[in-house]
Amino acid sequence: MKKFDEKKYLDHHGLICPYCDSKEIVAGHADFDDNYAWRNVVCEDCREEWTESFTLTGAQPLEL
């Protein structure tokens, strides 16, 4: 099994595979639970899979 490189993945803003550096990644639909969200991602080159996680980082007023 290839090594999962989370730092490299985050440094590239989630645009490369954390296993093989390919840009051929596909993310599924996000699921939400309170202030947390996640989605599954797969690399179309090496076929590895992982889960991205998201947290609330801010808010802005709605401008009408």
PDB file of N, CA and C in Angstrom:
ATOM      1  N   MET A   1       0.831  -1.189   0.000  1.00  0.00           N
ATOM      2  CA  MET A   1       0.000   0.000   0.000  1.00  0.00           C
ATOM      3  C   MET A   1       0.874   1.252   0.000  1.00  0.00           C
ATOM      4  N   LYS A   2       0.466   2.238  -0.763  1.00  0.00           N
ATOM      5  CA  LYS A   2       1.209   3.490  -0.846  1.00  0.00           C
ATOM      6  C   LYS A   2       0.981   4.319   0.411  1.00  0.00           C
ATOM      7  N   LYS A   3       1.920   5.224   0.705  1.00  0.00           N
ATOM      8  CA  LYS A   3       1.822   6.086   1.878  1.00  0.00           C
ATOM      9  C   LYS A   3       0.891   7.261   1.604  1.00  0.00           C
ATOM     10  N   PHE A   4      -0.026   7.534   2.528  1.00  0.00           N
ATOM     11  CA  PHE A   4      -0.937   8.676   2.457  1.00  0.00           C
ATOM     12  C   PHE A   4      -0.194   9.906   2.951  1.00  0.00           C
ATOM     13  N   ASP A   5      -0.039  10.931   2.096  1.00  0.00           N
ATOM     14  CA  ASP A   5       0.709  12.143   2.455  1.00  0.00           C
ATOM     15  C   ASP A   5      -0.272  13.308   2.639  1.00  0.00           C
ATOM     16  N   GLU A   6      -0.831  13.404   3.856  1.00  0.00           N
ATOM     17  CA  GLU A   6      -1.826  14.439   4.133  1.00  0.00           C
ATOM     18  C   GLU A   6      -1.258  15.842   3.976  1.00  0.00           C
ATOM     19  N   LYS A   7      -0.037  16.087   4.421  1.00  0.00           N
ATOM     20  CA  LYS A   7       0.556  17.428   4.316  1.00  0.00           C
ATOM     21  C   LYS A   7       0.652  17.875   2.861  1.00  0.00           C
ATOM     22  N   LYS A   8       1.131  16.995   1.995  1.00  0.00           N
ATOM     23  CA  LYS A   8       1.241  17.348   0.582  1.00  0.00           C
ATOM     24  C   LYS A   8      -0.145  17.614  -0.006  1.00  0.00           C
ATOM     25  N   TYR A   9      -1.122  16.802   0.380  1.00  0.00           N
ATOM     26  CA  TYR A   9      -2.498  16.962  -0.093  1.00  0.00           C
ATOM     27  C   TYR A   9      -3.035  18.337   0.300  1.00  0.00           C
ATOM     28  N   LEU A  10      -2.857  18.712   1.560  1.00  0.00           N
ATOM     29  CA  LEU A  10      -3.332  20.013   2.031  1.00  0.00           C
ATOM     30  C   LEU A  10      -2.542  21.153   1.399  1.00  0.00           C
ATOM     31  N   ASP A  11      -1.236  20.990   1.247  1.00  0.00           N
ATOM     32  CA  ASP A  11      -0.411  22.026   0.609  1.00  0.00           C
ATOM     33  C   ASP A  11      -0.856  22.302  -0.825  1.00  0.00           C
ATOM     34  N   HIS A  12      -1.419  21.284  -1.491  1.00  0.00           N
ATOM     35  CA  HIS A  12      -1.902  21.436  -2.874  1.00  0.00           C
ATOM     36  C   HIS A  12      -3.419  21.647  -2.922  1.00  0.00           C
ATOM     37  N   HIS A  13      -4.003  22.055  -1.773  1.00  0.00           N
ATOM     38  CA  HIS A  13      -5.423  22.412  -1.677  1.00  0.00           C
ATOM     39  C   HIS A  13      -6.356  21.288  -2.126  1.00  0.00           C
ATOM     40  N   GLY A  14      -5.946  20.044  -1.933  1.00  0.00           N
ATOM     41  CA  GLY A  14      -6.788  18.905  -2.274  1.00  0.00           C
ATOM     42  C   GLY A  14      -6.919  18.646  -3.759  1.00  0.00           C
ATOM     43  N   LEU A  15      -5.988  19.143  -4.549  1.00  0.00           N
ATOM     44  CA  LEU A  15      -6.088  19.003  -6.007  1.00  0.00           C
ATOM     45  C   LEU A  15      -5.222  17.896  -6.583  1.00  0.00           C
ATOM     46  N   ILE A  16      -4.483  17.188  -5.731  1.00  0.00           N
ATOM     47  CA  ILE A  16      -3.671  16.049  -6.188  1.00  0.00           C
ATOM     48  C   ILE A  16      -3.939  14.852  -5.277  1.00  0.00           C
ATOM     49  N   CYS A  17      -3.712  13.681  -5.803  1.00  0.00           N
ATOM     50  CA  CYS A  17      -3.854  12.461  -5.017  1.00  0.00           C
ATOM     51  C   CYS A  17      -2.768  12.426  -3.932  1.00  0.00           C
ATOM     52  N   PRO A  18      -3.135  12.171  -2.677  1.00  0.00           N
ATOM     53  CA  PRO A  18      -2.144  12.110  -1.604  1.00  0.00           C
ATOM     54  C   PRO A  18      -1.299  10.831  -1.626  1.00  0.00           C
ATOM     55  N   TYR A  19      -1.583   9.939  -2.580  1.00  0.00           N
ATOM     56  CA  TYR A  19      -0.810   8.708  -2.726  1.00  0.00           C
ATOM     57  C   TYR A  19       0.156   8.783  -3.905  1.00  0.00           C
ATOM     58  N   CYS A  20      -0.332   9.236  -5.078  1.00  0.00           N
ATOM     59  CA  CYS A  20       0.499   9.169  -6.293  1.00  0.00           C
ATOM     60  C   CYS A  20       0.699  10.525  -6.986  1.00  0.00           C
ATOM     61  N   ASP A  21       0.163  11.603  -6.425  1.00  0.00           N
ATOM     62  CA  ASP A  21       0.290  12.971  -6.959  1.00  0.00           C
ATOM     63  C   ASP A  21      -0.493  13.220  -8.247  1.00  0.00           C
ATOM     64  N   SER A  22      -1.336  12.300  -8.662  1.00  0.00           N
ATOM     65  CA  SER A  22      -2.139  12.493  -9.863  1.00  0.00           C
ATOM     66  C   SER A  22      -3.173  13.595  -9.638  1.00  0.00           C
ATOM     67  N   LYS A  23      -3.524  14.278 -10.706  1.00  0.00           N
ATOM     68  CA  LYS A  23      -4.594  15.281 -10.652  1.00  0.00           C
ATOM     69  C   LYS A  23      -5.938  14.674 -11.050  1.00  0.00           C
ATOM     70  N   GLU A  24      -5.954  13.378 -11.346  1.00  0.00           N
ATOM     71  CA  GLU A  24      -7.177  12.691 -11.782  1.00  0.00           C
ATOM     72  C   GLU A  24      -7.945  12.156 -10.583  1.00  0.00           C
ATOM     73  N   ILE A  25      -8.467  13.072  -9.761  1.00  0.00           N
ATOM     74  CA  ILE A  25      -9.223  12.680  -8.582  1.00  0.00           C
ATOM     75  C   ILE A  25     -10.678  13.120  -8.736  1.00  0.00           C
ATOM     76  N   VAL A  26     -11.567  12.339  -8.140  1.00  0.00           N
ATOM     77  CA  VAL A  26     -13.002  12.608  -8.232  1.00  0.00           C
ATOM     78  C   VAL A  26     -13.585  12.562  -6.819  1.00  0.00           C
ATOM     79  N   ALA A  27     -14.279  13.627  -6.450  1.00  0.00           N
ATOM     80  CA  ALA A  27     -14.894  13.712  -5.128  1.00  0.00           C
ATOM     81  C   ALA A  27     -16.392  13.460  -5.224  1.00  0.00           C
ATOM     82  N   GLY A  28     -16.913  12.754  -4.246  1.00  0.00           N
ATOM     83  CA  GLY A  28     -18.348  12.512  -4.170  1.00  0.00           C
ATOM     84  C   GLY A  28     -19.071  13.688  -3.546  1.00  0.00           C
ATOM     85  N   HIS A  29     -20.347  13.517  -3.304  1.00  0.00           N
ATOM     86  CA  HIS A  29     -21.153  14.561  -2.670  1.00  0.00           C
ATOM     87  C   HIS A  29     -20.800  14.651  -1.191  1.00  0.00           C
ATOM     88  N   ALA A  30     -20.859  15.876  -0.667  1.00  0.00           N
ATOM     89  CA  ALA A  30     -20.551  16.088   0.745  1.00  0.00           C
ATOM     90  C   ALA A  30     -21.736  15.719   1.627  1.00  0.00           C
ATOM     91  N   ASP A  31     -21.422  15.190   2.803  1.00  0.00           N
ATOM     92  CA  ASP A  31     -22.403  14.939   3.848  1.00  0.00           C
ATOM     93  C   ASP A  31     -22.112  15.908   4.990  1.00  0.00           C
ATOM     94  N   PHE A  32     -23.158  16.316   5.705  1.00  0.00           N
ATOM     95  CA  PHE A  32     -23.021  17.326   6.750  1.00  0.00           C
ATOM     96  C   PHE A  32     -23.606  16.833   8.057  1.00  0.00           C
ATOM     97  N   ASP A  33     -22.985  17.269   9.157  1.00  0.00           N
ATOM     98  CA  ASP A  33     -23.474  16.979  10.499  1.00  0.00           C
ATOM     99  C   ASP A  33     -23.071  18.145  11.395  1.00  0.00           C
ATOM    100  N   ASP A  34     -24.019  19.000  11.753  1.00  0.00           N
ATOM    101  CA  ASP A  34     -23.759  20.213  12.538  1.00  0.00           C
ATOM    102  C   ASP A  34     -22.689  21.070  11.852  1.00  0.00           C
ATOM    103  N   ASN A  35     -21.528  21.256  12.470  1.00  0.00           N
ATOM    104  CA  ASN A  35     -20.471  22.113  11.919  1.00  0.00           C
ATOM    105  C   ASN A  35     -19.374  21.326  11.228  1.00  0.00           C
ATOM    106  N   TYR A  36     -19.675  20.139  10.768  1.00  0.00           N
ATOM    107  CA  TYR A  36     -18.670  19.263  10.174  1.00  0.00           C
ATOM    108  C   TYR A  36     -19.215  18.704   8.864  1.00  0.00           C
ATOM    109  N   ALA A  37     -18.349  18.603   7.884  1.00  0.00           N
ATOM    110  CA  ALA A  37     -18.739  18.009   6.600  1.00  0.00           C
ATOM    111  C   ALA A  37     -17.618  17.096   6.120  1.00  0.00           C
ATOM    112  N   TRP A  38     -17.977  16.102   5.300  1.00  0.00           N
ATOM    113  CA  TRP A  38     -16.977  15.178   4.756  1.00  0.00           C
ATOM    114  C   TRP A  38     -17.457  14.664   3.411  1.00  0.00           C
ATOM    115  N   ARG A  39     -16.497  14.188   2.616  1.00  0.00           N
ATOM    116  CA  ARG A  39     -16.834  13.543   1.347  1.00  0.00           C
ATOM    117  C   ARG A  39     -15.732  12.554   0.995  1.00  0.00           C
ATOM    118  N   ASN A  40     -16.122  11.510   0.293  1.00  0.00           N
ATOM    119  CA  ASN A  40     -15.172  10.501  -0.148  1.00  0.00           C
ATOM    120  C   ASN A  40     -14.585  10.914  -1.495  1.00  0.00           C
ATOM    121  N   VAL A  41     -13.321  10.581  -1.682  1.00  0.00           N
ATOM    122  CA  VAL A  41     -12.587  10.938  -2.889  1.00  0.00           C
ATOM    123  C   VAL A  41     -11.859   9.697  -3.401  1.00  0.00           C
ATOM    124  N   VAL A  42     -11.733   9.570  -4.716  1.00  0.00           N
ATOM    125  CA  VAL A  42     -11.004   8.446  -5.307  1.00  0.00           C
ATOM    126  C   VAL A  42     -10.064   8.971  -6.387  1.00  0.00           C
ATOM    127  N   CYS A  43      -8.898   8.365  -6.507  1.00  0.00           N
ATOM    128  CA  CYS A  43      -7.948   8.693  -7.571  1.00  0.00           C
ATOM    129  C   CYS A  43      -8.214   7.743  -8.743  1.00  0.00           C
ATOM    130  N   GLU A  44      -8.433   8.298  -9.897  1.00  0.00           N
ATOM    131  CA  GLU A  44      -8.709   7.467 -11.067  1.00  0.00           C
ATOM    132  C   GLU A  44      -7.449   6.799 -11.622  1.00  0.00           C
ATOM    133  N   ASP A  45      -6.273   7.235 -11.184  1.00  0.00           N
ATOM    134  CA  ASP A  45      -5.030   6.605 -11.651  1.00  0.00           C
ATOM    135  C   ASP A  45      -4.625   5.425 -10.767  1.00  0.00           C
ATOM    136  N   CYS A  46      -4.466   5.658  -9.462  1.00  0.00           N
ATOM    137  CA  CYS A  46      -3.993   4.575  -8.585  1.00  0.00           C
ATOM    138  C   CYS A  46      -5.126   3.851  -7.865  1.00  0.00           C
ATOM    139  N   ARG A  47      -6.363   4.350  -7.963  1.00  0.00           N
ATOM    140  CA  ARG A  47      -7.578   3.758  -7.386  1.00  0.00           C
ATOM    141  C   ARG A  47      -7.617   3.800  -5.856  1.00  0.00           C
ATOM    142  N   GLU A  48      -6.722   4.559  -5.226  1.00  0.00           N
ATOM    143  CA  GLU A  48      -6.790   4.721  -3.770  1.00  0.00           C
ATOM    144  C   GLU A  48      -7.982   5.616  -3.429  1.00  0.00           C
ATOM    145  N   GLU A  49      -8.512   5.457  -2.227  1.00  0.00           N
ATOM    146  CA  GLU A  49      -9.651   6.240  -1.763  1.00  0.00           C
ATOM    147  C   GLU A  49      -9.341   6.847  -0.400  1.00  0.00           C
ATOM    148  N   TRP A  50      -9.966   8.000  -0.107  1.00  0.00           N
ATOM    149  CA  TRP A  50      -9.796   8.659   1.178  1.00  0.00           C
ATOM    150  C   TRP A  50     -11.011   9.538   1.440  1.00  0.00           C
ATOM    151  N   THR A  51     -11.086  10.090   2.629  1.00  0.00           N
ATOM    152  CA  THR A  51     -12.169  10.982   3.008  1.00  0.00           C
ATOM    153  C   THR A  51     -11.611  12.357   3.311  1.00  0.00           C
ATOM    154  N   GLU A  52     -12.189  13.389   2.706  1.00  0.00           N
ATOM    155  CA  GLU A  52     -11.858  14.772   3.032  1.00  0.00           C
ATOM    156  C   GLU A  52     -12.785  15.211   4.154  1.00  0.00           C
ATOM    157  N   SER A  53     -12.275  16.016   5.078  1.00  0.00           N
ATOM    158  CA  SER A  53     -13.109  16.547   6.155  1.00  0.00           C
ATOM    159  C   SER A  53     -13.028  18.067   6.155  1.00  0.00           C
ATOM    160  N   PHE A  54     -14.147  18.685   6.509  1.00  0.00           N
ATOM    161  CA  PHE A  54     -14.265  20.139   6.475  1.00  0.00           C
ATOM    162  C   PHE A  54     -14.851  20.626   7.794  1.00  0.00           C
ATOM    163  N   THR A  55     -14.419  21.808   8.239  1.00  0.00           N
ATOM    164  CA  THR A  55     -14.977  22.434   9.411  1.00  0.00           C
ATOM    165  C   THR A  55     -15.328  23.881   9.078  1.00  0.00           C
ATOM    166  N   LEU A  56     -16.244  24.440   9.854  1.00  0.00           N
ATOM    167  CA  LEU A  56     -16.648  25.823   9.675  1.00  0.00           C
ATOM    168  C   LEU A  56     -15.472  26.735  10.016  1.00  0.00           C
ATOM    169  N   THR A  57     -15.118  27.657   9.104  1.00  0.00           N
ATOM    170  CA  THR A  57     -13.971  28.534   9.340  1.00  0.00           C
ATOM    171  C   THR A  57     -14.336  29.999   9.412  1.00  0.00           C
ATOM    172  N   GLY A  58     -15.584  30.345   9.161  1.00  0.00           N
ATOM    173  CA  GLY A  58     -15.982  31.750   9.243  1.00  0.00           C
ATOM    174  C   GLY A  58     -17.393  31.951   8.738  1.00  0.00           C
ATOM    175  N   ALA A  59     -17.833  33.218   8.793  1.00  0.00           N
ATOM    176  CA  ALA A  59     -19.155  33.595   8.312  1.00  0.00           C
ATOM    177  C   ALA A  59     -19.129  35.068   7.919  1.00  0.00           C
ATOM    178  N   GLN A  60     -19.952  35.426   6.951  1.00  0.00           N
ATOM    179  CA  GLN A  60     -20.055  36.811   6.503  1.00  0.00           C
ATOM    180  C   GLN A  60     -21.533  37.180   6.455  1.00  0.00           C
ATOM    181  N   PRO A  61     -21.842  38.470   6.620  1.00  0.00           N
ATOM    182  CA  PRO A  61     -23.235  38.873   6.516  1.00  0.00           C
ATOM    183  C   PRO A  61     -23.735  38.724   5.093  1.00  0.00           C
ATOM    184  N   LEU A  62     -25.003  38.406   4.946  1.00  0.00           N
ATOM    185  CA  LEU A  62     -25.629  38.277   3.640  1.00  0.00           C
ATOM    186  C   LEU A  62     -25.922  39.667   3.112  1.00  0.00           C
ATOM    187  N   GLU A  63     -25.422  39.954   1.923  1.00  0.00           N
ATOM    188  CA  GLU A  63     -25.653  41.258   1.294  1.00  0.00           C
ATOM    189  C   GLU A  63     -26.806  41.135   0.332  1.00  0.00           C
ATOM    190  N   LEU A  64     -27.850  41.900   0.542  1.00  0.00           N
ATOM    191  CA  LEU A  64     -29.022  41.866  -0.298  1.00  0.00           C
ATOM    192  C   LEU A  64     -28.979  42.935  -1.366  1.00  0.00           C
TER     193      LEU A  64
END
